Structure formats: structure tokens, C-alpha cells
Protein backbone atom coordinates (compact mmCIF):
# COMPACT_ATOMS: atom_id res chain seq x y z
CA MET A 1 -59.60 122.43 56.45
CA LYS A 2 -57.73 125.25 57.80
CA SER A 3 -58.39 126.82 61.19
CA ALA A 4 -59.71 130.27 61.95
CA SER A 5 -56.48 130.96 63.59
CA SER A 6 -54.39 129.80 60.52
CA ILE A 7 -56.68 132.05 58.22
CA ALA A 8 -56.21 135.24 60.34
CA LYS A 9 -52.57 134.67 60.79
CA LYS A 10 -51.93 134.34 57.15
CA THR A 11 -53.86 137.32 56.47
CA VAL A 12 -52.10 139.16 58.98
CA ASP A 13 -49.14 138.26 57.31
CA GLU A 14 -49.94 139.23 53.90
CA LEU A 15 -50.69 142.85 55.41
CA ILE A 16 -47.41 143.44 57.76
CA ASN A 17 -44.59 140.79 58.36
CA ALA A 18 -40.62 140.38 59.53
CA ASP A 19 -39.46 140.83 56.09
CA GLY A 20 -41.07 143.91 54.81
CA SER A 21 -42.69 142.42 52.35
CA GLY A 22 -46.47 142.92 53.49
CA LYS A 23 -48.90 145.17 51.73
CA ILE A 24 -49.11 147.74 54.66
CA ASP A 25 -45.01 147.68 54.55
CA LYS A 26 -45.13 148.48 50.91
CA LEU A 27 -47.32 150.94 51.47
CA GLN A 28 -45.40 152.74 54.07
CA ARG A 29 -42.37 152.60 51.51
CA GLN A 30 -44.33 154.22 48.96
CA ALA A 31 -45.76 156.95 50.83
CA TYR A 32 -42.35 157.83 51.87
CA LEU A 33 -41.11 158.00 48.34
CA ASN A 34 -44.35 159.94 47.20
CA SER A 35 -43.07 162.34 50.14
CA LYS A 36 -39.95 162.53 48.60
CA GLY A 37 -41.04 163.23 45.09
CA ILE A 38 -40.52 159.42 43.89
CA LYS A 39 -43.89 158.43 42.17
CA GLN A 40 -44.85 154.70 42.37
CA GLY A 41 -44.08 153.01 39.09
CA ALA A 42 -41.32 155.18 38.15
CA GLN A 43 -37.42 153.97 37.44
CA PHE A 44 -35.61 154.53 39.94
CA GLN A 45 -31.96 156.14 38.43
CA LEU A 46 -29.50 157.87 40.43
CA ASP A 47 -27.91 160.08 38.17
CA LEU A 48 -31.60 161.35 37.28
CA LEU A 49 -32.86 161.60 40.95
CA PHE A 50 -29.73 163.46 41.88
CA PRO A 51 -28.01 165.26 38.61
CA GLY A 52 -25.65 167.47 40.50
CA ILE A 53 -24.21 164.81 42.83
CA VAL A 54 -24.32 161.47 40.90
CA ALA A 55 -24.32 162.20 37.06
CA ASP A 56 -21.78 164.81 36.89
CA ARG A 57 -19.42 163.75 39.54
CA ASP A 58 -17.34 160.50 38.73
CA ASP A 59 -14.96 161.42 41.30
CA LEU A 60 -17.52 160.88 44.26
CA ARG A 61 -18.90 157.40 45.79
CA HIS A 62 -22.31 157.58 47.35
CA MET A 63 -22.92 155.61 51.02
CA PRO A 64 -26.85 155.37 52.25
CA ASN A 65 -26.55 156.53 55.81
CA ASP A 66 -28.52 154.06 57.10
CA TYR A 67 -25.89 151.79 55.96
CA GLY A 68 -22.74 154.09 56.70
CA ARG A 69 -23.76 154.60 60.40
CA SER A 70 -23.89 150.72 61.35
CA SER A 71 -21.64 148.05 61.68
CA LEU A 72 -22.60 146.33 58.23
CA PHE A 73 -18.82 146.77 56.93
CA SER A 74 -17.07 145.53 59.87
CA ALA A 75 -13.40 146.70 60.57
CA ARG A 76 -12.41 143.57 62.21
CA ASN A 77 -8.71 142.37 62.20
CA LYS A 78 -8.07 140.66 58.82
CA ASN A 79 -6.44 137.73 60.48
CA GLN A 80 -9.89 136.80 61.73
CA PRO A 81 -12.16 134.78 60.18
CA ARG A 82 -15.14 135.98 58.90
CA GLU A 83 -18.34 135.17 60.66
CA THR A 84 -21.51 133.93 58.98
CA TYR A 85 -25.01 135.44 60.72
CA MET A 86 -28.52 134.47 60.41
CA ARG A 87 -30.53 137.94 61.08
CA LYS A 88 -28.10 139.24 63.44
CA GLN A 89 -29.04 142.78 64.50
CA LEU A 90 -26.13 145.03 63.73
CA PHE A 91 -25.29 148.18 65.41
CA HIS A 92 -26.18 151.39 64.51
CA TYR A 93 -25.53 154.68 65.62
CA ASN A 94 -29.03 156.08 65.35
CA GLU A 95 -31.60 154.35 67.85
CA HIS A 96 -34.83 154.95 65.56
CA VAL A 97 -32.79 152.48 63.10
CA SER A 98 -31.70 148.79 63.33
CA LEU A 99 -30.40 146.31 60.58
CA LEU A 100 -31.00 142.65 60.45
CA TYR A 101 -28.49 141.02 58.57
CA THR A 102 -28.14 137.45 57.13
CA GLY A 103 -25.00 136.29 55.16
CA ILE A 104 -21.34 136.08 55.71
CA GLU A 105 -19.48 139.06 57.22
CA LEU A 106 -19.14 142.10 55.07
CA ARG A 107 -15.60 144.23 55.65
CA ALA A 108 -14.96 147.41 55.11
CA GLU A 109 -11.47 146.57 54.13
CA ASP A 110 -12.58 145.66 50.54
CA ASP A 111 -16.58 144.85 50.56
CA GLU A 112 -17.60 148.30 51.10
CA ILE A 113 -15.29 149.78 48.62
CA VAL A 114 -15.95 147.13 46.02
CA TRP A 115 -20.19 147.79 46.76
CA LEU A 116 -19.49 151.58 46.21
CA GLN A 117 -17.86 151.01 43.00
CA ILE A 118 -20.33 148.78 41.78
CA LEU A 119 -23.05 151.10 42.49
CA ASN A 120 -21.31 153.61 40.63
CA PHE A 121 -20.99 151.40 37.48
CA GLY A 122 -24.64 151.43 37.70
CA ARG A 123 -25.39 154.97 38.48
CA CYS A 124 -26.94 155.49 35.22
CA VAL A 125 -29.01 152.51 34.81
CA PRO A 126 -32.45 152.39 36.66
CA PHE A 127 -32.30 150.07 40.01
CA GLY A 128 -33.90 146.47 38.80
CA GLN A 129 -31.96 146.64 35.57
CA PRO A 130 -28.77 144.85 34.50
CA PHE A 131 -25.61 146.78 33.75
CA ASP A 132 -21.95 145.30 33.01
CA PHE A 133 -18.27 145.58 33.87
CA SER A 134 -15.47 143.70 33.79
CA ILE A 135 -13.08 142.29 37.08
CA LYS A 136 -10.00 144.32 35.47
CA HIS A 137 -12.08 147.86 35.41
CA LEU A 138 -13.58 147.09 39.10
CA VAL A 139 -10.19 146.00 40.47
CA GLU A 140 -8.63 149.47 38.84
CA ASP A 141 -11.35 151.66 40.14
CA VAL A 142 -10.92 150.39 43.82
CA GLY A 143 -7.26 151.37 43.70
CA TRP A 144 -5.96 147.43 43.65
CA HIS A 145 -3.51 146.21 41.94
CA ARG A 146 -4.36 144.53 38.76
CA ASN A 147 -2.95 140.88 39.39
CA GLY A 148 -4.80 137.73 39.89
CA ARG A 149 -4.58 137.91 43.42
CA TYR A 150 -6.64 140.95 43.54
CA TYR A 151 -9.11 139.97 40.83
CA ASP A 152 -9.57 136.63 42.80
CA LYS A 153 -10.32 138.96 46.09
CA ALA A 154 -13.07 141.29 43.95
CA ARG A 155 -14.77 137.83 42.91
CA GLU A 156 -15.15 136.90 46.52
CA CYS A 157 -16.41 140.37 47.34
CA VAL A 158 -19.12 140.13 44.52
CA SER A 159 -20.21 136.42 45.79
CA ARG A 160 -20.19 137.99 49.37
CA LEU A 161 -22.09 141.03 47.96
CA LYS A 162 -24.67 138.70 46.43
CA ALA A 163 -25.31 135.92 49.39
CA ASN A 164 -26.62 138.04 51.90
CA GLU A 165 -30.05 139.82 52.88
CA VAL A 166 -30.16 143.16 54.68
CA LEU A 167 -33.34 144.28 56.16
CA ALA A 168 -33.33 147.99 57.49
CA LEU A 169 -35.82 149.59 59.91
CA ASN A 170 -36.35 153.14 60.26
CA SER A 171 -39.29 154.52 62.09
CA LYS A 172 -38.94 157.97 61.35
CA ALA A 173 -39.14 157.50 57.52
CA TYR A 174 -39.85 154.42 55.27
CA GLY A 175 -40.51 152.12 57.71
CA LYS A 176 -39.11 148.55 56.41
CA SER A 177 -36.51 148.55 53.49
CA GLY A 178 -37.64 145.01 52.46
CA ALA A 179 -34.99 142.19 52.35
CA ILE A 180 -32.19 143.50 49.97
CA SER A 181 -29.47 141.78 48.84
CA LEU A 182 -26.61 144.27 48.14
CA ILE A 183 -26.49 142.48 44.45
CA ALA A 184 -29.77 141.64 43.68
CA ASN A 185 -28.34 138.96 40.59
CA TYR A 186 -25.50 138.59 39.04
CA GLU A 187 -24.46 136.57 35.67
CA ALA A 188 -20.79 136.07 34.53
CA VAL A 189 -18.66 135.46 31.77
CA ASN A 190 -15.77 132.84 32.86
CA ASP A 191 -12.28 132.23 31.28
CA SER A 192 -10.82 129.02 30.32
CA ASN A 193 -10.39 128.33 34.03
CA GLY A 194 -13.55 129.23 34.95
CA LYS A 195 -13.19 132.29 36.74
CA PRO A 196 -15.43 135.44 35.91
CA THR A 197 -14.22 138.11 33.81
CA ASN A 198 -17.15 139.96 33.04
CA TYR A 199 -20.26 140.67 35.22
CA ARG A 200 -23.83 141.47 34.56
CA VAL A 201 -25.44 143.15 37.79
CA TRP A 202 -28.84 143.78 38.79
CA ILE A 203 -29.46 146.21 42.16
CA ASP A 204 -32.68 145.71 44.13
CA PRO A 205 -35.28 148.63 43.57
CA ASN A 206 -35.96 148.54 47.22
CA LEU A 207 -32.47 150.53 47.71
CA ILE A 208 -34.27 153.36 46.55
CA VAL A 209 -35.68 154.19 49.62
CA LEU A 210 -32.25 154.30 51.30
CA PHE A 211 -31.44 157.43 48.61
CA ALA A 212 -34.53 159.07 48.67
CA GLY A 213 -34.64 162.71 50.52
CA ASN A 214 -31.03 162.82 50.04
CA THR A 215 -30.14 160.57 53.12
CA PHE A 216 -26.78 159.06 51.77
CA THR A 217 -23.39 160.56 51.86
CA SER A 218 -21.09 161.23 49.02
CA HIS A 219 -17.35 160.20 49.49
CA CYS A 220 -14.11 161.72 47.70
CA TRP A 221 -13.23 158.67 46.33
CA GLU A 222 -9.63 158.97 45.41
CA VAL A 223 -9.35 159.42 49.09
CA TYR A 224 -11.67 157.78 50.59
CA ARG A 225 -10.48 154.25 48.90
CA SER A 226 -6.90 154.75 50.36
CA LEU A 227 -8.22 154.84 54.18
CA SER A 228 -7.74 151.89 56.47
CA PRO A 229 -10.84 150.17 57.75
CA VAL A 230 -11.15 151.61 60.88
CA ALA A 231 -10.53 155.16 59.63
CA ARG A 232 -13.03 154.54 56.82
CA ARG A 233 -15.70 153.64 59.35
CA LEU A 234 -14.82 157.21 61.33
CA ALA A 235 -14.91 158.87 57.81
CA ASP A 236 -18.67 157.37 57.07
CA TYR A 237 -19.91 158.36 60.68
CA MET A 238 -18.22 162.15 60.18
CA GLU A 239 -18.95 163.18 56.48
CA SER A 240 -22.43 161.91 57.27
CA HIS A 241 -23.13 164.66 59.43
CA GLN A 242 -22.76 168.67 58.65
CA HIS A 243 -21.79 169.10 62.33
CA PRO A 244 -20.61 165.65 63.94
CA PHE A 245 -21.27 165.27 67.62
CA PRO A 246 -18.81 164.06 69.44
CA LEU A 247 -18.86 160.04 69.44
CA GLY A 248 -18.19 158.02 72.52
CA LEU A 249 -15.40 155.55 71.97
CA GLU A 250 -17.15 152.30 72.72
CA ARG A 251 -19.88 153.35 70.61
CA PHE A 252 -17.41 154.14 67.79
CA ARG A 253 -15.85 149.99 68.66
CA LEU A 254 -19.45 148.51 68.18
CA MET A 255 -19.67 150.74 64.79
CA CYS A 256 -16.74 149.00 63.52
CA GLY A 257 -17.92 145.93 64.72
CA SER A 258 -14.37 145.25 66.24
CA SER A 259 -13.64 142.53 68.82
CA ASP A 260 -10.65 144.46 70.15
CA THR A 261 -12.42 144.75 73.79
CA ASN A 262 -8.80 146.15 75.70
CA ILE A 263 -9.46 149.73 75.90
CA THR A 264 -5.73 150.64 75.76
CA SER A 265 -5.50 148.99 72.61
CA TRP A 266 -8.70 150.78 70.99
CA ARG A 267 -7.61 153.83 72.07
CA LYS A 268 -4.25 153.47 70.04
CA THR A 269 -6.41 152.27 67.32
CA THR A 270 -8.78 154.84 67.28
CA ARG A 271 -6.03 157.76 67.73
CA ALA A 272 -4.15 156.33 64.54
CA ALA A 273 -7.72 156.49 62.39
CA CYS A 274 -8.00 160.09 63.78
CA ALA A 275 -4.21 160.86 62.46
CA GLU A 276 -4.91 159.57 59.08
CA LEU A 277 -8.11 161.65 58.67
CA VAL A 278 -6.46 164.74 59.31
CA THR A 279 -3.40 163.72 57.44
CA LYS A 280 -5.32 162.54 54.23
CA GLY A 281 -7.55 165.72 54.58
CA VAL A 282 -10.79 164.34 55.36
CA ALA A 283 -10.87 166.13 58.67
CA GLU A 284 -9.77 169.59 59.99
CA LEU A 285 -9.85 167.66 63.29
CA ALA A 286 -10.07 164.26 64.67
CA ASN A 287 -9.19 163.79 68.18
CA LEU A 288 -9.67 161.44 70.92
CA SER A 289 -10.18 163.44 74.01
CA LYS A 290 -9.33 162.15 77.95
CA SER A 291 -12.97 161.18 78.41
CA ASP A 292 -12.96 158.66 75.48
CA GLN A 293 -15.12 161.30 73.34
CA ILE A 294 -14.17 161.24 69.54
CA ASP A 295 -14.32 164.90 68.27
CA THR A 296 -14.20 165.69 64.74
CA ILE A 297 -14.58 168.65 62.50
CA ARG A 298 -14.87 168.46 58.88
CA ARG A 299 -13.10 169.79 55.99
CA LEU A 300 -14.49 171.55 53.23
CA PRO A 301 -16.32 169.27 50.35
CA CYS A 302 -14.60 168.16 47.22
CA ARG A 303 -13.86 170.76 45.06
CA GLY A 304 -16.95 172.25 42.93
CA SER A 305 -19.77 171.04 45.50
CA SER A 306 -21.45 172.63 48.43
CA VAL A 307 -21.75 171.23 51.93
CA ALA A 308 -25.62 170.81 51.03
CA GLU A 309 -25.10 168.83 48.14
CA LEU A 310 -22.57 166.42 49.42
CA PHE A 311 -24.24 165.04 53.02
CA GLY A 312 -27.24 163.68 53.48
CA THR A 313 -30.31 165.31 55.41
CA ALA A 314 -30.65 162.72 57.70
């Protein structure tokens, strides 16, 4: 016979728990969505929720700010083996937001742009419903060469994006996002060598809490996908703010998930990223000051968009 304490613990776990699946957790998320005009039972489809930004603009890709301002997609040296994490707390720029991550380390050089492109494939489909794409189209749309090496690279990204769990906690918004895999599920059609050529993918409906209220940033895809990993992390920070605050050098290193603890080396890497953003037209100004603060001024948004349309509110 179960003890009173075990019954009480089960009851508490049903109401609120670590992975955000408790009744109170769900009610908090739904209350947040209601406050953003998204009603319970509605289908969450990005192009319908944000028609001017998502539906009409194939030149943009959209990153939730709670992911983009974190070290979820690291910029570590590609020669370093990827680590495997179990509920690792990732660095986040905002103190009221934290991410717990389980899975193989994701990187800005490949996983980030592959995920954004997959989201774009599904932008006209409700979250939780399947959509299809080919490995050839995926490789082409992220700007890689269409050959066997890059097809395999994209397949590995898809596998990593499925085999993970991200729990976001935002005390000023939705509470706990619930445990989300960046790709909830997929099926594949394989070639004669057993390699996937076509995918059918599902996105977790809980992901909508990271977009609701326009809390995401829209990047000009042609330029964004061409950035180096460190420059892309700086772009994620800068472009998610209409008026970016100076960013400390060490905070930026943590946001990149970099293991480069040599300050001279990291200054050099950061200056190169700043120069890249200016050269490629992402920033009007990007500079590392003598006090190790990264000062940035954004350029005007992509043609045909206003600042208010493109940049998230949180």
C-alpha cells in the first residue's frame, strides 16, 4: 500500500514538475498564449500568426530570442569533438531565462542554419503536423555544395536535431516551455545505400511559446547563412535587440560556448567577427573597445521590412 508521502509527491508532480509537463505548467503556458491572442485548441502556424513577416518573406529565417541569446548553438572550434550533455544548464544573456539541454552538442556552423531552414520548410504547416523536404533542397537552401559530403553533413544535423531535449525557463513569460526536441520526430525515405533522401518532419507544438508575442528575430538569410560561427552568434545577439547594449567580451565567449580561455586569442577572434558583420552589411558598427566591451549599431533591416516587424519584443 502506498504511503501518504508517496501519494502526495505524485500529486505534486502531476501539478508542477521539472520537465514542465505538470498541470500548472501547462496552465501557465496557455495563459501566456492567451495573453498573446493565441487561444487554446488553435493550430499554431507561423505564416498565419505572422503573415507580414513569415508568410510573405522567403528571404528571412526566424530564430526565437530565448534560443538565439544562449549558447544552444555553440561556436567551438570544429576540430574539437562534440560533447554530450545531460540536463546541462546553458549560458543565457538574460538572467530571467535559462535553458537545460540534453543531447549531443549543437553548433552554429551547421545545426543552427539547418534547423532554421527546416522551420522555414514548415512555416505554412501547423506545429505538430508533418511536412516534407528532400536532402538536396535542404543542402541547397543552407548554401552548401550539392555533393555526398554535404548530404551526409545535413543528415547528421537532422539526427542531432531530433536526438535532444531543450527545456527553456522564462520567469517573465511562459514559465517552462516543456521539454522540446528541436525536431519532434521524422520519417525518411532511403536510397539503395540506406541513406535518407527525403524526410517527413514534425515540430513540437510547444515551440509556439518561443514565438508568441513576436519574441523572435528575423535574419536576412542569404547573408546570415554565410557568416562564420562566431559572427553568427554576435549577429544573433545584436539583431535580437533594436538598440543593442554593449556586450562584455567574457559574456560573449560564454554565449558562444567557446573553450578559448586565452584572452588575447579570444579578442582576436571577436574583432574578426565584428569586422565580418560590418563587411557583410549586418552591422553599421561593430567594435571591441579597450575596456573589452563589444559595441554594435545595427544596419537598417532587409528591404521591404520595418524595424518593428523584424525584431522581437523581448
